[in-house]
Amino acid sequence: MHDKKLYGTATVGTKGQVVIPADAREEIGIMPGDRLYVLGSCKSGFVGLLKEDQIESYIETMNLHIETFKSLKKSKEQ
């Protein structure tokens, strides 16, 4: 099963605001007051949103991998 889905379209308002389609908010679990991080690429014109807890999870995973890498590197150097 694919976890990526096209939820429809959104229009940018005069204040730069975008309404996230209701089915996307519901399926992804976006609630009023949630903090979303905006990321994108000027080159490709991509804009995406990540929930704060997802960013925190990615950072924790990267930190674990960094520590594992440091440990492996240190053992090879000895």
PDB file of N, CA and C in Angstrom:
ATOM      1  N   MET A   1       0.841  -1.178   0.000  1.00  0.00           N
ATOM      2  CA  MET A   1       0.000   0.000   0.000  1.00  0.00           C
ATOM      3  C   MET A   1       0.889   1.244   0.000  1.00  0.00           C
ATOM      4  N   HIS A   2       0.503   2.231  -0.789  1.00  0.00           N
ATOM      5  CA  HIS A   2       1.258   3.480  -0.857  1.00  0.00           C
ATOM      6  C   HIS A   2       0.782   4.428   0.233  1.00  0.00           C
ATOM      7  N   ASP A   3       1.719   5.116   0.841  1.00  0.00           N
ATOM      8  CA  ASP A   3       1.331   6.073   1.871  1.00  0.00           C
ATOM      9  C   ASP A   3       1.279   7.493   1.333  1.00  0.00           C
ATOM     10  N   LYS A   4       1.616   7.673   0.065  1.00  0.00           N
ATOM     11  CA  LYS A   4       1.556   8.998  -0.541  1.00  0.00           C
ATOM     12  C   LYS A   4       0.245   9.120  -1.295  1.00  0.00           C
ATOM     13  N   LYS A   5      -0.370  10.290  -1.209  1.00  0.00           N
ATOM     14  CA  LYS A   5      -1.691  10.460  -1.784  1.00  0.00           C
ATOM     15  C   LYS A   5      -1.869  11.899  -2.220  1.00  0.00           C
ATOM     16  N   LEU A   6      -2.554  12.103  -3.313  1.00  0.00           N
ATOM     17  CA  LEU A   6      -2.925  13.445  -3.743  1.00  0.00           C
ATOM     18  C   LEU A   6      -4.282  13.752  -3.139  1.00  0.00           C
ATOM     19  N   TYR A   7      -4.360  14.770  -2.318  1.00  0.00           N
ATOM     20  CA  TYR A   7      -5.586  15.111  -1.611  1.00  0.00           C
ATOM     21  C   TYR A   7      -6.426  16.168  -2.327  1.00  0.00           C
ATOM     22  N   GLY A   8      -5.962  16.676  -3.411  1.00  0.00           N
ATOM     23  CA  GLY A   8      -6.710  17.706  -4.120  1.00  0.00           C
ATOM     24  C   GLY A   8      -5.864  18.954  -4.273  1.00  0.00           C
ATOM     25  N   THR A   9      -6.520  20.080  -4.345  1.00  0.00           N
ATOM     26  CA  THR A   9      -5.813  21.337  -4.552  1.00  0.00           C
ATOM     27  C   THR A   9      -6.120  22.307  -3.412  1.00  0.00           C
ATOM     28  N   ALA A  10      -5.286  23.320  -3.329  1.00  0.00           N
ATOM     29  CA  ALA A  10      -5.483  24.401  -2.376  1.00  0.00           C
ATOM     30  C   ALA A  10      -5.082  25.692  -3.073  1.00  0.00           C
ATOM     31  N   THR A  11      -5.713  26.768  -2.720  1.00  0.00           N
ATOM     32  CA  THR A  11      -5.421  28.067  -3.306  1.00  0.00           C
ATOM     33  C   THR A  11      -4.763  28.946  -2.255  1.00  0.00           C
ATOM     34  N   VAL A  12      -3.724  29.646  -2.653  1.00  0.00           N
ATOM     35  CA  VAL A  12      -3.051  30.577  -1.750  1.00  0.00           C
ATOM     36  C   VAL A  12      -3.851  31.875  -1.738  1.00  0.00           C
ATOM     37  N   GLY A  13      -4.258  32.282  -0.541  1.00  0.00           N
ATOM     38  CA  GLY A  13      -5.018  33.520  -0.392  1.00  0.00           C
ATOM     39  C   GLY A  13      -4.120  34.742  -0.411  1.00  0.00           C
ATOM     40  N   THR A  14      -4.709  35.917  -0.333  1.00  0.00           N
ATOM     41  CA  THR A  14      -3.957  37.175  -0.405  1.00  0.00           C
ATOM     42  C   THR A  14      -2.980  37.341   0.755  1.00  0.00           C
ATOM     43  N   LYS A  15      -3.238  36.673   1.885  1.00  0.00           N
ATOM     44  CA  LYS A  15      -2.343  36.734   3.037  1.00  0.00           C
ATOM     45  C   LYS A  15      -1.353  35.578   3.049  1.00  0.00           C
ATOM     46  N   GLY A  16      -1.319  34.779   1.968  1.00  0.00           N
ATOM     47  CA  GLY A  16      -0.397  33.654   1.899  1.00  0.00           C
ATOM     48  C   GLY A  16      -0.911  32.410   2.603  1.00  0.00           C
ATOM     49  N   GLN A  17      -2.143  32.416   3.031  1.00  0.00           N
ATOM     50  CA  GLN A  17      -2.705  31.282   3.748  1.00  0.00           C
ATOM     51  C   GLN A  17      -3.232  30.228   2.782  1.00  0.00           C
ATOM     52  N   VAL A  18      -3.088  28.970   3.195  1.00  0.00           N
ATOM     53  CA  VAL A  18      -3.561  27.839   2.414  1.00  0.00           C
ATOM     54  C   VAL A  18      -4.414  26.967   3.326  1.00  0.00           C
ATOM     55  N   VAL A  19      -5.554  26.532   2.835  1.00  0.00           N
ATOM     56  CA  VAL A  19      -6.409  25.623   3.592  1.00  0.00           C
ATOM     57  C   VAL A  19      -6.043  24.197   3.183  1.00  0.00           C
ATOM     58  N   ILE A  20      -5.666  23.377   4.161  1.00  0.00           N
ATOM     59  CA  ILE A  20      -5.338  21.979   3.906  1.00  0.00           C
ATOM     60  C   ILE A  20      -6.667  21.229   3.792  1.00  0.00           C
ATOM     61  N   PRO A  21      -6.857  20.451   2.701  1.00  0.00           N
ATOM     62  CA  PRO A  21      -8.116  19.734   2.541  1.00  0.00           C
ATOM     63  C   PRO A  21      -8.469  18.894   3.777  1.00  0.00           C
ATOM     64  N   ALA A  22      -9.762  18.862   4.115  1.00  0.00           N
ATOM     65  CA  ALA A  22     -10.243  18.190   5.321  1.00  0.00           C
ATOM     66  C   ALA A  22      -9.831  16.725   5.372  1.00  0.00           C
ATOM     67  N   ASP A  23      -9.913  16.003   4.244  1.00  0.00           N
ATOM     68  CA  ASP A  23      -9.556  14.578   4.281  1.00  0.00           C
ATOM     69  C   ASP A  23      -8.073  14.391   4.561  1.00  0.00           C
ATOM     70  N   ALA A  24      -7.239  15.323   4.101  1.00  0.00           N
ATOM     71  CA  ALA A  24      -5.802  15.252   4.402  1.00  0.00           C
ATOM     72  C   ALA A  24      -5.574  15.485   5.889  1.00  0.00           C
ATOM     73  N   ARG A  25      -6.212  16.520   6.454  1.00  0.00           N
ATOM     74  CA  ARG A  25      -6.067  16.807   7.880  1.00  0.00           C
ATOM     75  C   ARG A  25      -6.518  15.621   8.718  1.00  0.00           C
ATOM     76  N   GLU A  26      -7.614  15.024   8.327  1.00  0.00           N
ATOM     77  CA  GLU A  26      -8.171  13.900   9.080  1.00  0.00           C
ATOM     78  C   GLU A  26      -7.260  12.671   9.018  1.00  0.00           C
ATOM     79  N   GLU A  27      -6.836  12.287   7.819  1.00  0.00           N
ATOM     80  CA  GLU A  27      -6.006  11.089   7.664  1.00  0.00           C
ATOM     81  C   GLU A  27      -4.627  11.245   8.283  1.00  0.00           C
ATOM     82  N   ILE A  28      -4.073  12.447   8.209  1.00  0.00           N
ATOM     83  CA  ILE A  28      -2.718  12.688   8.717  1.00  0.00           C
ATOM     84  C   ILE A  28      -2.747  13.049  10.201  1.00  0.00           C
ATOM     85  N   GLY A  29      -3.904  13.431  10.680  1.00  0.00           N
ATOM     86  CA  GLY A  29      -4.026  13.765  12.099  1.00  0.00           C
ATOM     87  C   GLY A  29      -3.604  15.177  12.433  1.00  0.00           C
ATOM     88  N   ILE A  30      -3.829  16.098  11.507  1.00  0.00           N
ATOM     89  CA  ILE A  30      -3.497  17.504  11.751  1.00  0.00           C
ATOM     90  C   ILE A  30      -4.671  18.143  12.479  1.00  0.00           C
ATOM     91  N   MET A  31      -4.380  18.692  13.650  1.00  0.00           N
ATOM     92  CA  MET A  31      -5.409  19.281  14.502  1.00  0.00           C
ATOM     93  C   MET A  31      -5.170  20.793  14.627  1.00  0.00           C
ATOM     94  N   PRO A  32      -6.229  21.562  14.913  1.00  0.00           N
ATOM     95  CA  PRO A  32      -6.040  22.995  15.132  1.00  0.00           C
ATOM     96  C   PRO A  32      -4.978  23.229  16.211  1.00  0.00           C
ATOM     97  N   GLY A  33      -4.075  24.134  15.947  1.00  0.00           N
ATOM     98  CA  GLY A  33      -3.005  24.441  16.895  1.00  0.00           C
ATOM     99  C   GLY A  33      -1.723  23.659  16.660  1.00  0.00           C
ATOM    100  N   ASP A  34      -1.778  22.597  15.820  1.00  0.00           N
ATOM    101  CA  ASP A  34      -0.554  21.843  15.515  1.00  0.00           C
ATOM    102  C   ASP A  34       0.444  22.752  14.819  1.00  0.00           C
ATOM    103  N   ARG A  35       1.718  22.551  15.140  1.00  0.00           N
ATOM    104  CA  ARG A  35       2.775  23.318  14.488  1.00  0.00           C
ATOM    105  C   ARG A  35       3.276  22.494  13.298  1.00  0.00           C
ATOM    106  N   LEU A  36       3.243  23.124  12.104  1.00  0.00           N
ATOM    107  CA  LEU A  36       3.719  22.481  10.893  1.00  0.00           C
ATOM    108  C   LEU A  36       4.950  23.218  10.392  1.00  0.00           C
ATOM    109  N   TYR A  37       5.942  22.451   9.971  1.00  0.00           N
ATOM    110  CA  TYR A  37       7.155  23.035   9.405  1.00  0.00           C
ATOM    111  C   TYR A  37       7.039  23.015   7.889  1.00  0.00           C
ATOM    112  N   VAL A  38       7.363  24.141   7.275  1.00  0.00           N
ATOM    113  CA  VAL A  38       7.280  24.283   5.824  1.00  0.00           C
ATOM    114  C   VAL A  38       8.663  24.047   5.250  1.00  0.00           C
ATOM    115  N   LEU A  39       8.754  23.125   4.301  1.00  0.00           N
ATOM    116  CA  LEU A  39      10.026  22.894   3.628  1.00  0.00           C
ATOM    117  C   LEU A  39       9.782  22.888   2.138  1.00  0.00           C
ATOM    118  N   GLY A  40      10.828  23.115   1.397  1.00  0.00           N
ATOM    119  CA  GLY A  40      10.647  23.167  -0.045  1.00  0.00           C
ATOM    120  C   GLY A  40      11.937  23.319  -0.799  1.00  0.00           C
ATOM    121  N   SER A  41      11.788  23.393  -2.089  1.00  0.00           N
ATOM    122  CA  SER A  41      12.918  23.526  -2.996  1.00  0.00           C
ATOM    123  C   SER A  41      12.595  24.600  -4.028  1.00  0.00           C
ATOM    124  N   CYS A  42      13.403  25.635  -4.042  1.00  0.00           N
ATOM    125  CA  CYS A  42      13.207  26.692  -5.040  1.00  0.00           C
ATOM    126  C   CYS A  42      13.402  26.142  -6.446  1.00  0.00           C
ATOM    127  N   LYS A  43      14.375  25.261  -6.596  1.00  0.00           N
ATOM    128  CA  LYS A  43      14.709  24.705  -7.916  1.00  0.00           C
ATOM    129  C   LYS A  43      13.544  23.918  -8.514  1.00  0.00           C
ATOM    130  N   SER A  44      12.889  23.079  -7.702  1.00  0.00           N
ATOM    131  CA  SER A  44      11.809  22.244  -8.235  1.00  0.00           C
ATOM    132  C   SER A  44      10.425  22.836  -8.006  1.00  0.00           C
ATOM    133  N   GLY A  45      10.340  23.885  -7.185  1.00  0.00           N
ATOM    134  CA  GLY A  45       9.053  24.482  -6.879  1.00  0.00           C
ATOM    135  C   GLY A  45       8.232  23.665  -5.893  1.00  0.00           C
ATOM    136  N   PHE A  46       8.887  22.757  -5.180  1.00  0.00           N
ATOM    137  CA  PHE A  46       8.208  21.900  -4.211  1.00  0.00           C
ATOM    138  C   PHE A  46       7.993  22.627  -2.895  1.00  0.00           C
ATOM    139  N   VAL A  47       6.813  22.468  -2.304  1.00  0.00           N
ATOM    140  CA  VAL A  47       6.522  22.958  -0.959  1.00  0.00           C
ATOM    141  C   VAL A  47       5.833  21.817  -0.225  1.00  0.00           C
ATOM    142  N   GLY A  48       6.298  21.532   0.989  1.00  0.00           N
ATOM    143  CA  GLY A  48       5.688  20.480   1.787  1.00  0.00           C
ATOM    144  C   GLY A  48       5.570  20.908   3.234  1.00  0.00           C
ATOM    145  N   LEU A  49       4.731  20.196   3.966  1.00  0.00           N
ATOM    146  CA  LEU A  49       4.515  20.480   5.382  1.00  0.00           C
ATOM    147  C   LEU A  49       4.808  19.224   6.185  1.00  0.00           C
ATOM    148  N   LEU A  50       5.487  19.375   7.323  1.00  0.00           N
ATOM    149  CA  LEU A  50       5.732  18.265   8.233  1.00  0.00           C
ATOM    150  C   LEU A  50       5.272  18.665   9.624  1.00  0.00           C
ATOM    151  N   LYS A  51       4.585  17.733  10.273  1.00  0.00           N
ATOM    152  CA  LYS A  51       4.167  17.986  11.647  1.00  0.00           C
ATOM    153  C   LYS A  51       5.402  18.014  12.542  1.00  0.00           C
ATOM    154  N   GLU A  52       5.349  18.827  13.590  1.00  0.00           N
ATOM    155  CA  GLU A  52       6.484  18.994  14.498  1.00  0.00           C
ATOM    156  C   GLU A  52       6.933  17.660  15.090  1.00  0.00           C
ATOM    157  N   ASP A  53       5.980  16.783  15.457  1.00  0.00           N
ATOM    158  CA  ASP A  53       6.385  15.508  16.045  1.00  0.00           C
ATOM    159  C   ASP A  53       7.136  14.633  15.043  1.00  0.00           C
ATOM    160  N   GLN A  54       6.841  14.776  13.749  1.00  0.00           N
ATOM    161  CA  GLN A  54       7.588  14.034  12.730  1.00  0.00           C
ATOM    162  C   GLN A  54       9.031  14.532  12.649  1.00  0.00           C
ATOM    163  N   ILE A  55       9.206  15.842  12.698  1.00  0.00           N
ATOM    164  CA  ILE A  55      10.557  16.420  12.675  1.00  0.00           C
ATOM    165  C   ILE A  55      11.345  15.899  13.880  1.00  0.00           C
ATOM    166  N   GLU A  56      10.724  15.912  15.051  1.00  0.00           N
ATOM    167  CA  GLU A  56      11.389  15.431  16.266  1.00  0.00           C
ATOM    168  C   GLU A  56      11.770  13.965  16.126  1.00  0.00           C
ATOM    169  N   SER A  57      10.906  13.161  15.539  1.00  0.00           N
ATOM    170  CA  SER A  57      11.178  11.736  15.334  1.00  0.00           C
ATOM    171  C   SER A  57      12.359  11.548  14.380  1.00  0.00           C
ATOM    172  N   TYR A  58      12.384  12.312  13.283  1.00  0.00           N
ATOM    173  CA  TYR A  58      13.498  12.233  12.326  1.00  0.00           C
ATOM    174  C   TYR A  58      14.814  12.603  13.003  1.00  0.00           C
ATOM    175  N   ILE A  59      14.799  13.660  13.814  1.00  0.00           N
ATOM    176  CA  ILE A  59      16.014  14.105  14.500  1.00  0.00           C
ATOM    177  C   ILE A  59      16.511  13.030  15.462  1.00  0.00           C
ATOM    178  N   GLU A  60      15.600  12.414  16.225  1.00  0.00           N
ATOM    179  CA  GLU A  60      15.987  11.339  17.143  1.00  0.00           C
ATOM    180  C   GLU A  60      16.624  10.185  16.383  1.00  0.00           C
ATOM    181  N   THR A  61      16.020   9.797  15.260  1.00  0.00           N
ATOM    182  CA  THR A  61      16.558   8.704  14.444  1.00  0.00           C
ATOM    183  C   THR A  61      17.935   9.061  13.898  1.00  0.00           C
ATOM    184  N   MET A  62      18.097  10.289  13.400  1.00  0.00           N
ATOM    185  CA  MET A  62      19.400  10.709  12.878  1.00  0.00           C
ATOM    186  C   MET A  62      20.448  10.703  13.980  1.00  0.00           C
ATOM    187  N   ASN A  63      20.087  11.173  15.173  1.00  0.00           N
ATOM    188  CA  ASN A  63      21.035  11.172  16.287  1.00  0.00           C
ATOM    189  C   ASN A  63      21.492   9.756  16.627  1.00  0.00           C
ATOM    190  N   LEU A  64      20.573   8.791  16.613  1.00  0.00           N
ATOM    191  CA  LEU A  64      20.942   7.399  16.865  1.00  0.00           C
ATOM    192  C   LEU A  64      21.925   6.900  15.809  1.00  0.00           C
ATOM    193  N   HIS A  65      21.649   7.230  14.549  1.00  0.00           N
ATOM    194  CA  HIS A  65      22.541   6.802  13.469  1.00  0.00           C
ATOM    195  C   HIS A  65      23.914   7.472  13.575  1.00  0.00           C
ATOM    196  N   ILE A  66      23.928   8.729  13.980  1.00  0.00           N
ATOM    197  CA  ILE A  66      25.195   9.450  14.147  1.00  0.00           C
ATOM    198  C   ILE A  66      26.031   8.794  15.241  1.00  0.00           C
ATOM    199  N   GLU A  67      25.387   8.474  16.365  1.00  0.00           N
ATOM    200  CA  GLU A  67      26.108   7.835  17.472  1.00  0.00           C
ATOM    201  C   GLU A  67      26.642   6.461  17.054  1.00  0.00           C
ATOM    202  N   THR A  68      25.850   5.707  16.300  1.00  0.00           N
ATOM    203  CA  THR A  68      26.296   4.404  15.805  1.00  0.00           C
ATOM    204  C   THR A  68      27.487   4.576  14.870  1.00  0.00           C
ATOM    205  N   PHE A  69      27.418   5.559  13.972  1.00  0.00           N
ATOM    206  CA  PHE A  69      28.514   5.839  13.060  1.00  0.00           C
ATOM    207  C   PHE A  69      29.783   6.210  13.816  1.00  0.00           C
ATOM    208  N   LYS A  70      29.658   7.094  14.811  1.00  0.00           N
ATOM    209  CA  LYS A  70      30.819   7.504  15.606  1.00  0.00           C
ATOM    210  C   LYS A  70      31.446   6.295  16.303  1.00  0.00           C
ATOM    211  N   SER A  71      30.620   5.433  16.834  1.00  0.00           N
ATOM    212  CA  SER A  71      31.100   4.240  17.528  1.00  0.00           C
ATOM    213  C   SER A  71      31.835   3.311  16.571  1.00  0.00           C
ATOM    214  N   LEU A  72      31.272   3.088  15.400  1.00  0.00           N
ATOM    215  CA  LEU A  72      31.927   2.227  14.401  1.00  0.00           C
ATOM    216  C   LEU A  72      33.253   2.834  13.935  1.00  0.00           C
ATOM    217  N   LYS A  73      33.251   4.136  13.689  1.00  0.00           N
ATOM    218  CA  LYS A  73      34.466   4.807  13.246  1.00  0.00           C
ATOM    219  C   LYS A  73      35.554   4.706  14.312  1.00  0.00           C
ATOM    220  N   LYS A  74      35.176   4.918  15.580  1.00  0.00           N
ATOM    221  CA  LYS A  74      36.132   4.870  16.677  1.00  0.00           C
ATOM    222  C   LYS A  74      36.720   3.462  16.810  1.00  0.00           C
ATOM    223  N   SER A  75      35.897   2.422  16.671  1.00  0.00           N
ATOM    224  CA  SER A  75      36.390   1.045  16.807  1.00  0.00           C
ATOM    225  C   SER A  75      37.324   0.684  15.654  1.00  0.00           C
ATOM    226  N   LYS A  76      37.099   1.220  14.469  1.00  0.00           N
ATOM    227  CA  LYS A  76      37.981   0.949  13.322  1.00  0.00           C
ATOM    228  C   LYS A  76      39.325   1.657  13.476  1.00  0.00           C
ATOM    229  N   GLU A  77      39.324   2.812  14.141  1.00  0.00           N
ATOM    230  CA  GLU A  77      40.539   3.593  14.314  1.00  0.00           C
ATOM    231  C   GLU A  77      41.464   2.978  15.352  1.00  0.00           C
ATOM    232  N   GLN A  78      40.922   2.109  16.208  1.00  0.00           N
ATOM    233  CA  GLN A  78      41.747   1.545  17.284  1.00  0.00           C
ATOM    234  C   GLN A  78      42.454   0.297  16.831  1.00  0.00           C
TER     235      GLN A  78
END
